């Protein structure tokens, strides 16, 4: 798994834990927002996005899930359709490159 932090538009830290399996990714966000989501190619998964302002039902339909590994690098790419309250919101892409330091 991979643990990383990101800042939202208010500079509040959100902690992320991305569990990487052969055919799926699992993302758990904690902090100012909370979100647990499973990404599996061709499968629509539902979850709840919790914010300080309320809770939003979310679904994702994963179109692409790529993982490439070399001896000093892991590259992950995730492409999915995001729906909120059963309404299309966006086509999203997440790319993560992990490199070893020498």
C-alpha atoms as a PDB file:
ATOM      1  CA  UNK A   1       0.000   0.000   0.000  1.00  0.00           C
ATOM      2  CA  UNK A   2       0.930   3.651  -0.407  1.00  0.00           C
ATOM      3  CA  UNK A   3       0.315   6.415   2.139  1.00  0.00           C
ATOM      4  CA  UNK A   4       0.399  10.055   1.054  1.00  0.00           C
ATOM      5  CA  UNK A   5      -1.024  13.423   2.061  1.00  0.00           C
ATOM      6  CA  UNK A   6      -2.677  16.154   0.029  1.00  0.00           C
ATOM      7  CA  UNK A   7      -3.993  19.628   0.814  1.00  0.00           C
ATOM      8  CA  UNK A   8      -7.486  20.767  -0.067  1.00  0.00           C
ATOM      9  CA  UNK A   9      -8.374  24.296  -1.201  1.00  0.00           C
ATOM     10  CA  UNK A  10      -8.310  25.493   2.445  1.00  0.00           C
ATOM     11  CA  UNK A  11      -4.803  24.010   3.035  1.00  0.00           C
ATOM     12  CA  UNK A  12      -6.313  21.315   5.256  1.00  0.00           C
ATOM     13  CA  UNK A  13      -4.404  18.033   5.159  1.00  0.00           C
ATOM     14  CA  UNK A  14      -6.175  14.928   3.859  1.00  0.00           C
ATOM     15  CA  UNK A  15      -4.431  11.603   4.464  1.00  0.00           C
ATOM     16  CA  UNK A  16      -4.733   8.899   1.828  1.00  0.00           C
ATOM     17  CA  UNK A  17      -4.044   5.188   1.930  1.00  0.00           C
ATOM     18  CA  UNK A  18      -4.055   3.468  -1.453  1.00  0.00           C
ATOM     19  CA  UNK A  19      -4.056  -0.320  -1.309  1.00  0.00           C
ATOM     20  CA  UNK A  20      -2.837  -1.798  -4.574  1.00  0.00           C
ATOM     21  CA  UNK A  21      -3.933  -5.259  -5.641  1.00  0.00           C
ATOM     22  CA  UNK A  22      -3.471  -6.999  -8.964  1.00  0.00           C
ATOM     23  CA  UNK A  23      -6.941  -6.141 -10.324  1.00  0.00           C
ATOM     24  CA  UNK A  24      -8.169  -3.403  -7.987  1.00  0.00           C
ATOM     25  CA  UNK A  25      -7.215  -0.325  -5.977  1.00  0.00           C
ATOM     26  CA  UNK A  26      -8.763   0.643  -2.649  1.00  0.00           C
ATOM     27  CA  UNK A  27      -8.568   4.309  -1.572  1.00  0.00           C
ATOM     28  CA  UNK A  28      -9.258   5.504   1.958  1.00  0.00           C
ATOM     29  CA  UNK A  29      -9.229   9.235   2.715  1.00  0.00           C
ATOM     30  CA  UNK A  30      -9.216  10.607   6.261  1.00  0.00           C
ATOM     31  CA  UNK A  31      -8.956  14.078   7.739  1.00  0.00           C
ATOM     32  CA  UNK A  32     -11.183  16.987   6.708  1.00  0.00           C
ATOM     33  CA  UNK A  33     -12.986  14.558   4.398  1.00  0.00           C
ATOM     34  CA  UNK A  34     -13.617  10.834   4.666  1.00  0.00           C
ATOM     35  CA  UNK A  35     -14.049   8.474   1.737  1.00  0.00           C
ATOM     36  CA  UNK A  36     -13.606   4.739   1.203  1.00  0.00           C
ATOM     37  CA  UNK A  37     -13.756   3.534  -2.393  1.00  0.00           C
ATOM     38  CA  UNK A  38     -12.930   0.355  -4.267  1.00  0.00           C
ATOM     39  CA  UNK A  39     -11.831   0.722  -7.902  1.00  0.00           C
ATOM     40  CA  UNK A  40     -12.267  -2.364 -10.122  1.00  0.00           C
ATOM     41  CA  UNK A  41     -12.188  -2.236 -13.928  1.00  0.00           C
ATOM     42  CA  UNK A  42     -15.690  -2.380 -15.425  1.00  0.00           C
ATOM     43  CA  UNK A  43     -17.451  -2.367 -12.055  1.00  0.00           C
ATOM     44  CA  UNK A  44     -19.539   0.454 -10.578  1.00  0.00           C
ATOM     45  CA  UNK A  45     -18.895   0.847  -6.837  1.00  0.00           C
ATOM     46  CA  UNK A  46     -20.783   3.058  -4.391  1.00  0.00           C
ATOM     47  CA  UNK A  47     -19.517   4.939  -1.380  1.00  0.00           C
ATOM     48  CA  UNK A  48     -20.142   7.994   0.757  1.00  0.00           C
ATOM     49  CA  UNK A  49     -18.017  11.154   0.692  1.00  0.00           C
ATOM     50  CA  UNK A  50     -18.145  12.817   4.125  1.00  0.00           C
ATOM     51  CA  UNK A  51     -17.278  16.507   4.412  1.00  0.00           C
ATOM     52  CA  UNK A  52     -17.674  19.081   7.199  1.00  0.00           C
ATOM     53  CA  UNK A  53     -20.698  20.368   5.229  1.00  0.00           C
ATOM     54  CA  UNK A  54     -22.498  17.055   4.816  1.00  0.00           C
ATOM     55  CA  UNK A  55     -22.472  13.610   3.276  1.00  0.00           C
ATOM     56  CA  UNK A  56     -22.664  12.935  -0.464  1.00  0.00           C
ATOM     57  CA  UNK A  57     -23.432   9.540  -2.011  1.00  0.00           C
ATOM     58  CA  UNK A  58     -20.834   8.791  -4.704  1.00  0.00           C
ATOM     59  CA  UNK A  59     -20.406   6.075  -7.305  1.00  0.00           C
ATOM     60  CA  UNK A  60     -17.411   5.386  -9.513  1.00  0.00           C
ATOM     61  CA  UNK A  61     -17.243   3.310 -12.673  1.00  0.00           C
ATOM     62  CA  UNK A  62     -13.636   2.338 -13.297  1.00  0.00           C
ATOM     63  CA  UNK A  63     -12.676   2.366 -16.980  1.00  0.00           C
ATOM     64  CA  UNK A  64      -8.931   1.821 -16.700  1.00  0.00           C
ATOM     65  CA  UNK A  65      -6.664   0.432 -14.023  1.00  0.00           C
ATOM     66  CA  UNK A  66      -2.991   0.183 -14.971  1.00  0.00           C
ATOM     67  CA  UNK A  67       0.030  -0.829 -12.951  1.00  0.00           C
ATOM     68  CA  UNK A  68       3.552  -0.948 -14.365  1.00  0.00           C
ATOM     69  CA  UNK A  69       6.596  -1.939 -12.351  1.00  0.00           C
ATOM     70  CA  UNK A  70      10.323  -1.804 -12.977  1.00  0.00           C
ATOM     71  CA  UNK A  71      13.154  -2.318 -10.490  1.00  0.00           C
ATOM     72  CA  UNK A  72      13.160   1.361  -9.435  1.00  0.00           C
ATOM     73  CA  UNK A  73       9.660   2.580 -10.300  1.00  0.00           C
ATOM     74  CA  UNK A  74       5.966   1.780  -9.928  1.00  0.00           C
ATOM     75  CA  UNK A  75       3.483   3.675 -12.109  1.00  0.00           C
ATOM     76  CA  UNK A  76      -0.255   3.590 -11.396  1.00  0.00           C
ATOM     77  CA  UNK A  77      -3.003   5.025 -13.562  1.00  0.00           C
ATOM     78  CA  UNK A  78      -6.680   5.058 -12.733  1.00  0.00           C
ATOM     79  CA  UNK A  79      -9.460   6.401 -14.969  1.00  0.00           C
ATOM     80  CA  UNK A  80     -13.049   6.493 -13.747  1.00  0.00           C
ATOM     81  CA  UNK A  81     -16.443   8.139 -14.148  1.00  0.00           C
ATOM     82  CA  UNK A  82     -17.595   9.999 -11.021  1.00  0.00           C
ATOM     83  CA  UNK A  83     -21.280  10.331 -10.152  1.00  0.00           C
ATOM     84  CA  UNK A  84     -22.746  12.204  -7.189  1.00  0.00           C
ATOM     85  CA  UNK A  85     -26.303  11.470  -6.163  1.00  0.00           C
ATOM     86  CA  UNK A  86     -26.676   9.364  -9.337  1.00  0.00           C
ATOM     87  CA  UNK A  87     -25.725  12.294 -11.602  1.00  0.00           C
ATOM     88  CA  UNK A  88     -22.633  12.324 -13.849  1.00  0.00           C
ATOM     89  CA  UNK A  89     -20.017  14.770 -12.572  1.00  0.00           C
ATOM     90  CA  UNK A  90     -16.721  14.090 -14.308  1.00  0.00           C
ATOM     91  CA  UNK A  91     -14.346  11.724 -16.033  1.00  0.00           C
ATOM     92  CA  UNK A  92     -11.376  11.538 -13.652  1.00  0.00           C
ATOM     93  CA  UNK A  93      -7.787  10.388 -14.043  1.00  0.00           C
ATOM     94  CA  UNK A  94      -5.343   9.699 -11.223  1.00  0.00           C
ATOM     95  CA  UNK A  95      -1.680   9.035 -12.021  1.00  0.00           C
ATOM     96  CA  UNK A  96       0.852   8.131  -9.341  1.00  0.00           C
ATOM     97  CA  UNK A  97       4.563   7.544  -9.974  1.00  0.00           C
ATOM     98  CA  UNK A  98       6.600   5.984  -7.181  1.00  0.00           C
ATOM     99  CA  UNK A  99      10.394   6.053  -7.605  1.00  0.00           C
ATOM    100  CA  UNK A 100      13.177   4.806  -5.418  1.00  0.00           C
ATOM    101  CA  UNK A 101      15.864   7.267  -4.404  1.00  0.00           C
ATOM    102  CA  UNK A 102      19.491   6.341  -4.905  1.00  0.00           C
END
